[in-house]
Amino acid sequence: MSHAYQRRLSLAGIDSTQMSEDELRAMVRVLLAEGIHGLCFSPYLPDQAPGTPVEAAAIVQRLEVVRPHVSWIRTFSCTDGNELIPPLARARGLRTMVGVWLGDDREKNEEELANGIAVARAGHADILAVGNEVLLREDLGEDELVTLLERARQAVPGVPVGYVDAYFKFVDYPRVTAACDVLLANCYPFWEGCPAEYALPYMKDMYRRAVGAAHGKPVIVSETGWPTRGADCGGARPSYRNAIKYFIDTCQWAQEDGVEVFYFSAFDEPWKVATEGDVGAYWGLWDQAGDPKYW
């Protein structure tokens, strides 16, 4: 990042109050030209949703959009064709955090875990992420989750295994923390109603809390982001300027402090309206058609 851009930084990130949208977009272009660490990646096209089978051709199309700008992608599932993403990504020079989706359907959980283990054993997973916010949703209890994490670790020695949840869950559930090789912390100032001007220091504090619970284990920010449209969440307001500032601040902080961050998300996802309201559809760096939103 050039010194001109670095001078714009403060403890709360860039001072964007006097910056035009063209200047903000120029900063994004610089960041993405240099490459960011990682993106949360789902391959669903506008008329698709989880449970819809995805095909290799669609995955490749989406991967080619993000590939020039990232080192890693994070996936969320190992069923319905999502298990094809890691080998296709690795073939294109990307590293992978492979997600095993867990919920309250035990039979589906077993299919997800088996496929995730198979992907890792085939050499296509750099990190295996077993479960995403199942404690937050209360889909599984602590004992069952710990058992699944231990099964995964035994099945794929040499591949780090972690669990994804809100940062504070690693404080609340030390047995889950102990069962992980790496802590995968979701840090969302937006969903906690934090106004945009305080979002960067708030996220830093979230990360510090996860690091404190980790007792020396690696901590990765597995999700963070800010939506461009939709309803407010407390003091947090979706907008183009707030979202682009948050993206720039996050990437700058990650570079300066050496924090591994998977930004949420690669593409807008209309299907999320059903669970998160209108705001759920607008978290992508690219829109649902695959066109860039910020540059």
Foldseek 3Di string as FASTA:
>chain_A
DDPVLVVQQDPLGGDCPPPDLVVLLVLVVVLQQVAFEAFEDDQDFQVDDPVAADDPVSLLVLCVLRVSRYQEYEYAFQPSNSLVNQVSNVVSRHAYAYHQEDFLPVVSSVVGLVRLLVSLVVPRHQEYEYYAACVVVVRDDPVVSLVSLQVSCVSRPPRFYAYEHALCVLVVRVSNLVSGQEYAHAFEPQQVQHALSNRLVSSVVSQVSSVVSNVPHHYADEEYFAFQDDDGRHNYDHHLVSRSRVVSRVRVVCVVVVHHYHYPHAEFHCVCCVPPNPRNRGGHCAYSVSHGDRD
